[in-house]
Amino acid sequence: MAKVLPVYQAFCKDNAAWILDMYGYAPKKGKLAGQRGIFYALFRDKALPRALRHIRAEMQGVDVDRIPATTYLYKGTKLSNSRFMVRAIVGWEFSQHCDKEHV
């Protein structure tokens, strides 16, 4: 299954100026964006599920309203706020045919 963090890191890398302008966030110099960044929770909980739902609708040629909500597989570990940690995105398996730079 696809992991959230690499998708987030690729998004942050490709949209660094926009994220800095909108959210005032930039990863430390020479580092990739991480889960503790102020934009991560918004990306994981709002932007990514919506985007994946729209992509799936486009791939299947149906209206987005016919696509079920994106769900995550959770780890057994809880965060300090009592929420479980996300392990992966359900239904988005990595394909060996994908270009790894665009995953």
N, C-alpha and C. Protein backbone atom coordinates (compact mmCIF):
# COMPACT_ATOMS: atom_id res chain seq x y z
N MET A 1 0.83 -1.18 0.00
CA MET A 1 0.00 0.00 0.00
C MET A 1 0.88 1.25 0.00
N ALA A 2 0.38 2.28 -0.57
CA ALA A 2 1.12 3.54 -0.64
C ALA A 2 1.21 4.17 0.74
N LYS A 3 2.33 4.75 1.03
CA LYS A 3 2.55 5.44 2.31
C LYS A 3 2.28 6.93 2.12
N VAL A 4 1.77 7.57 3.14
CA VAL A 4 1.43 8.99 3.08
C VAL A 4 2.69 9.86 3.03
N LEU A 5 3.68 9.55 3.85
CA LEU A 5 4.84 10.43 3.98
C LEU A 5 5.57 10.67 2.65
N PRO A 6 5.89 9.65 1.85
CA PRO A 6 6.56 9.94 0.58
C PRO A 6 5.73 10.80 -0.38
N VAL A 7 4.41 10.60 -0.36
CA VAL A 7 3.53 11.43 -1.20
C VAL A 7 3.59 12.87 -0.71
N TYR A 8 3.52 13.05 0.61
CA TYR A 8 3.61 14.37 1.22
C TYR A 8 4.94 15.04 0.90
N GLN A 9 6.02 14.30 1.02
CA GLN A 9 7.34 14.86 0.75
C GLN A 9 7.47 15.30 -0.70
N ALA A 10 6.97 14.49 -1.62
CA ALA A 10 7.02 14.86 -3.05
C ALA A 10 6.18 16.10 -3.30
N PHE A 11 4.99 16.17 -2.69
CA PHE A 11 4.13 17.33 -2.85
C PHE A 11 4.82 18.59 -2.32
N CYS A 12 5.43 18.49 -1.15
CA CYS A 12 6.12 19.64 -0.55
C CYS A 12 7.29 20.08 -1.41
N LYS A 13 8.01 19.14 -1.96
CA LYS A 13 9.15 19.47 -2.81
C LYS A 13 8.69 20.19 -4.07
N ASP A 14 7.62 19.70 -4.68
CA ASP A 14 7.12 20.29 -5.93
C ASP A 14 6.37 21.60 -5.73
N ASN A 15 5.91 21.85 -4.51
CA ASN A 15 5.10 23.04 -4.23
C ASN A 15 5.66 23.86 -3.08
N ALA A 16 6.96 23.86 -2.93
CA ALA A 16 7.63 24.50 -1.79
C ALA A 16 7.28 25.98 -1.65
N ALA A 17 7.29 26.72 -2.74
CA ALA A 17 7.01 28.17 -2.68
C ALA A 17 5.58 28.42 -2.24
N TRP A 18 4.63 27.67 -2.76
CA TRP A 18 3.22 27.84 -2.40
C TRP A 18 3.00 27.52 -0.92
N ILE A 19 3.58 26.43 -0.44
CA ILE A 19 3.42 26.04 0.96
C ILE A 19 4.04 27.10 1.88
N LEU A 20 5.18 27.61 1.48
CA LEU A 20 5.81 28.67 2.27
C LEU A 20 4.94 29.92 2.31
N ASP A 21 4.40 30.32 1.17
CA ASP A 21 3.53 31.50 1.10
C ASP A 21 2.23 31.32 1.89
N MET A 22 1.60 30.16 1.74
CA MET A 22 0.29 29.92 2.35
C MET A 22 0.36 29.55 3.83
N TYR A 23 1.36 28.76 4.20
CA TYR A 23 1.41 28.21 5.55
C TYR A 23 2.66 28.58 6.33
N GLY A 24 3.58 29.27 5.68
CA GLY A 24 4.81 29.66 6.35
C GLY A 24 5.69 28.49 6.72
N TYR A 25 5.54 27.39 6.00
CA TYR A 25 6.29 26.17 6.33
C TYR A 25 7.30 25.85 5.25
N ALA A 26 8.49 25.53 5.69
CA ALA A 26 9.54 25.02 4.81
C ALA A 26 10.34 24.02 5.63
N PRO A 27 10.68 22.87 5.07
CA PRO A 27 11.50 21.92 5.82
C PRO A 27 12.88 22.52 6.11
N LYS A 28 13.55 21.99 7.10
CA LYS A 28 14.90 22.45 7.40
C LYS A 28 15.78 22.23 6.18
N LYS A 29 16.72 23.12 6.01
CA LYS A 29 17.61 23.07 4.86
C LYS A 29 18.28 21.70 4.74
N GLY A 30 18.19 21.13 3.56
CA GLY A 30 18.79 19.83 3.30
C GLY A 30 17.98 18.64 3.78
N LYS A 31 16.79 18.89 4.34
CA LYS A 31 15.93 17.82 4.87
C LYS A 31 14.64 17.75 4.08
N LEU A 32 14.01 16.58 4.11
CA LEU A 32 12.70 16.41 3.50
C LEU A 32 11.63 16.85 4.50
N ALA A 33 10.48 17.23 4.01
CA ALA A 33 9.36 17.59 4.88
C ALA A 33 8.99 16.38 5.73
N GLY A 34 8.61 16.63 6.97
CA GLY A 34 8.29 15.53 7.88
C GLY A 34 6.91 15.65 8.48
N GLN A 35 6.54 14.63 9.23
CA GLN A 35 5.20 14.57 9.82
C GLN A 35 4.96 15.63 10.88
N ARG A 36 5.99 16.21 11.42
CA ARG A 36 5.81 17.22 12.46
C ARG A 36 5.60 18.62 11.88
N GLY A 37 5.72 18.76 10.58
CA GLY A 37 5.49 20.05 9.95
C GLY A 37 4.03 20.47 10.10
N ILE A 38 3.79 21.77 10.18
CA ILE A 38 2.44 22.27 10.44
C ILE A 38 1.46 21.96 9.31
N PHE A 39 1.96 21.64 8.13
CA PHE A 39 1.11 21.38 6.98
C PHE A 39 0.75 19.90 6.84
N TYR A 40 1.47 19.00 7.52
CA TYR A 40 1.28 17.57 7.34
C TYR A 40 -0.14 17.10 7.67
N ALA A 41 -0.65 17.47 8.82
CA ALA A 41 -1.99 17.01 9.23
C ALA A 41 -3.05 17.48 8.24
N LEU A 42 -2.97 18.71 7.79
CA LEU A 42 -3.92 19.23 6.80
C LEU A 42 -3.82 18.43 5.49
N PHE A 43 -2.60 18.17 5.06
CA PHE A 43 -2.39 17.40 3.84
C PHE A 43 -2.97 15.99 3.99
N ARG A 44 -2.63 15.31 5.08
CA ARG A 44 -3.06 13.93 5.31
C ARG A 44 -4.57 13.82 5.49
N ASP A 45 -5.17 14.75 6.24
CA ASP A 45 -6.58 14.62 6.61
C ASP A 45 -7.56 15.26 5.63
N LYS A 46 -7.12 16.26 4.88
CA LYS A 46 -8.04 16.98 3.98
C LYS A 46 -7.63 16.88 2.51
N ALA A 47 -6.44 17.35 2.18
CA ALA A 47 -6.05 17.47 0.78
C ALA A 47 -5.85 16.12 0.09
N LEU A 48 -5.08 15.23 0.71
CA LEU A 48 -4.78 13.95 0.06
C LEU A 48 -6.02 13.09 -0.16
N PRO A 49 -6.89 12.89 0.85
CA PRO A 49 -8.07 12.07 0.59
C PRO A 49 -8.95 12.62 -0.54
N ARG A 50 -9.11 13.93 -0.58
CA ARG A 50 -9.92 14.53 -1.66
C ARG A 50 -9.27 14.33 -3.02
N ALA A 51 -7.96 14.56 -3.07
CA ALA A 51 -7.24 14.41 -4.34
C ALA A 51 -7.30 12.97 -4.84
N LEU A 52 -7.08 12.02 -3.96
CA LEU A 52 -7.11 10.61 -4.37
C LEU A 52 -8.49 10.18 -4.83
N ARG A 53 -9.50 10.72 -4.19
CA ARG A 53 -10.88 10.42 -4.60
C ARG A 53 -11.15 10.95 -6.02
N HIS A 54 -10.67 12.14 -6.30
CA HIS A 54 -10.85 12.72 -7.64
C HIS A 54 -10.04 11.94 -8.68
N ILE A 55 -8.83 11.54 -8.33
CA ILE A 55 -8.01 10.75 -9.26
C ILE A 55 -8.69 9.43 -9.57
N ARG A 56 -9.21 8.77 -8.53
CA ARG A 56 -9.88 7.48 -8.73
C ARG A 56 -11.12 7.65 -9.62
N ALA A 57 -11.89 8.72 -9.42
CA ALA A 57 -13.07 8.98 -10.24
C ALA A 57 -12.66 9.18 -11.70
N GLU A 58 -11.59 9.93 -11.91
CA GLU A 58 -11.11 10.16 -13.28
C GLU A 58 -10.63 8.86 -13.91
N MET A 59 -9.92 8.04 -13.15
CA MET A 59 -9.42 6.77 -13.67
C MET A 59 -10.56 5.82 -14.03
N GLN A 60 -11.63 5.85 -13.24
CA GLN A 60 -12.76 4.96 -13.47
C GLN A 60 -13.82 5.56 -14.39
N GLY A 61 -13.67 6.82 -14.73
CA GLY A 61 -14.61 7.48 -15.62
C GLY A 61 -15.99 7.66 -15.02
N VAL A 62 -16.04 7.91 -13.70
CA VAL A 62 -17.32 8.10 -13.03
C VAL A 62 -17.29 9.42 -12.27
N ASP A 63 -18.46 9.85 -11.83
CA ASP A 63 -18.57 11.05 -11.02
C ASP A 63 -17.92 10.82 -9.66
N VAL A 64 -17.28 11.82 -9.13
CA VAL A 64 -16.58 11.68 -7.85
C VAL A 64 -17.52 11.27 -6.72
N ASP A 65 -18.78 11.61 -6.81
CA ASP A 65 -19.75 11.23 -5.77
C ASP A 65 -19.96 9.73 -5.69
N ARG A 66 -19.58 9.00 -6.74
CA ARG A 66 -19.73 7.55 -6.74
C ARG A 66 -18.51 6.83 -6.16
N ILE A 67 -17.50 7.57 -5.80
CA ILE A 67 -16.26 7.00 -5.27
C ILE A 67 -16.30 7.07 -3.73
N PRO A 68 -16.04 5.95 -3.06
CA PRO A 68 -16.04 5.98 -1.59
C PRO A 68 -14.89 6.83 -1.06
N ALA A 69 -15.04 7.28 0.15
CA ALA A 69 -14.00 8.10 0.78
C ALA A 69 -12.69 7.32 0.89
N THR A 70 -11.60 8.04 0.80
CA THR A 70 -10.28 7.44 0.98
C THR A 70 -10.12 7.04 2.44
N THR A 71 -9.58 5.86 2.67
CA THR A 71 -9.36 5.40 4.04
C THR A 71 -7.89 5.06 4.24
N TYR A 72 -7.49 5.04 5.49
CA TYR A 72 -6.11 4.74 5.85
C TYR A 72 -6.06 3.46 6.68
N LEU A 73 -4.94 2.80 6.60
CA LEU A 73 -4.63 1.68 7.49
C LEU A 73 -3.83 2.28 8.65
N TYR A 74 -4.23 1.98 9.86
CA TYR A 74 -3.60 2.58 11.04
C TYR A 74 -2.69 1.59 11.75
N LYS A 75 -1.65 2.12 12.37
CA LYS A 75 -0.77 1.34 13.22
C LYS A 75 -1.44 1.17 14.58
N GLY A 76 -0.95 0.28 15.38
CA GLY A 76 -1.47 0.10 16.73
C GLY A 76 -0.94 1.14 17.70
N THR A 77 -0.03 1.98 17.23
CA THR A 77 0.60 3.00 18.07
C THR A 77 -0.24 4.27 18.11
N LYS A 78 -0.43 4.81 19.30
CA LYS A 78 -1.17 6.06 19.43
C LYS A 78 -0.20 7.23 19.58
N LEU A 79 -0.63 8.37 19.07
CA LEU A 79 0.11 9.61 19.23
C LEU A 79 -0.23 10.22 20.59
N SER A 80 0.43 11.30 20.95
CA SER A 80 0.16 11.96 22.23
C SER A 80 -1.26 12.51 22.32
N ASN A 81 -1.90 12.75 21.16
CA ASN A 81 -3.28 13.26 21.16
C ASN A 81 -4.30 12.12 21.11
N SER A 82 -3.86 10.90 21.37
CA SER A 82 -4.70 9.68 21.42
C SER A 82 -5.21 9.22 20.07
N ARG A 83 -4.70 9.79 18.98
CA ARG A 83 -5.07 9.32 17.64
C ARG A 83 -4.06 8.26 17.22
N PHE A 84 -4.52 7.29 16.44
CA PHE A 84 -3.62 6.26 15.94
C PHE A 84 -2.79 6.79 14.78
N MET A 85 -1.59 6.28 14.64
CA MET A 85 -0.69 6.69 13.56
C MET A 85 -1.10 6.02 12.26
N VAL A 86 -1.02 6.76 11.16
CA VAL A 86 -1.38 6.23 9.84
C VAL A 86 -0.23 5.39 9.31
N ARG A 87 -0.54 4.19 8.82
CA ARG A 87 0.45 3.30 8.24
C ARG A 87 0.50 3.45 6.72
N ALA A 88 -0.68 3.45 6.06
CA ALA A 88 -0.71 3.47 4.60
C ALA A 88 -2.10 3.89 4.10
N ILE A 89 -2.17 4.13 2.79
CA ILE A 89 -3.42 4.51 2.14
C ILE A 89 -4.05 3.24 1.56
N VAL A 90 -5.24 2.90 1.99
CA VAL A 90 -5.92 1.70 1.53
C VAL A 90 -6.32 1.83 0.07
N GLY A 91 -6.02 0.81 -0.72
CA GLY A 91 -6.43 0.78 -2.13
C GLY A 91 -5.46 1.44 -3.08
N TRP A 92 -4.33 1.92 -2.60
CA TRP A 92 -3.34 2.56 -3.47
C TRP A 92 -2.02 1.81 -3.33
N GLU A 93 -1.97 0.65 -3.96
CA GLU A 93 -0.79 -0.17 -3.91
C GLU A 93 0.25 0.35 -4.89
N PHE A 94 1.51 0.20 -4.51
CA PHE A 94 2.60 0.61 -5.38
C PHE A 94 2.71 -0.37 -6.54
N SER A 95 2.81 0.15 -7.73
CA SER A 95 2.96 -0.68 -8.92
C SER A 95 4.43 -0.73 -9.32
N GLN A 96 4.91 -1.90 -9.65
CA GLN A 96 6.29 -2.05 -10.10
C GLN A 96 6.51 -1.36 -11.43
N HIS A 97 5.45 -1.02 -12.13
CA HIS A 97 5.55 -0.39 -13.42
C HIS A 97 5.61 1.14 -13.32
N CYS A 98 5.44 1.66 -12.11
CA CYS A 98 5.48 3.11 -11.91
C CYS A 98 6.91 3.62 -11.94
N ASP A 99 7.04 4.84 -12.35
CA ASP A 99 8.31 5.53 -12.26
C ASP A 99 8.45 5.97 -10.80
N LYS A 100 9.46 5.46 -10.10
CA LYS A 100 9.60 5.72 -8.66
C LYS A 100 9.69 7.20 -8.33
N GLU A 101 10.11 8.04 -9.27
CA GLU A 101 10.21 9.47 -9.00
C GLU A 101 8.84 10.13 -8.97
N HIS A 102 7.82 9.45 -9.44
CA HIS A 102 6.48 10.04 -9.50
C HIS A 102 5.49 9.31 -8.62
N VAL A 103 5.99 8.57 -7.66
CA VAL A 103 5.12 7.83 -6.75
C VAL A 103 4.95 8.60 -5.48
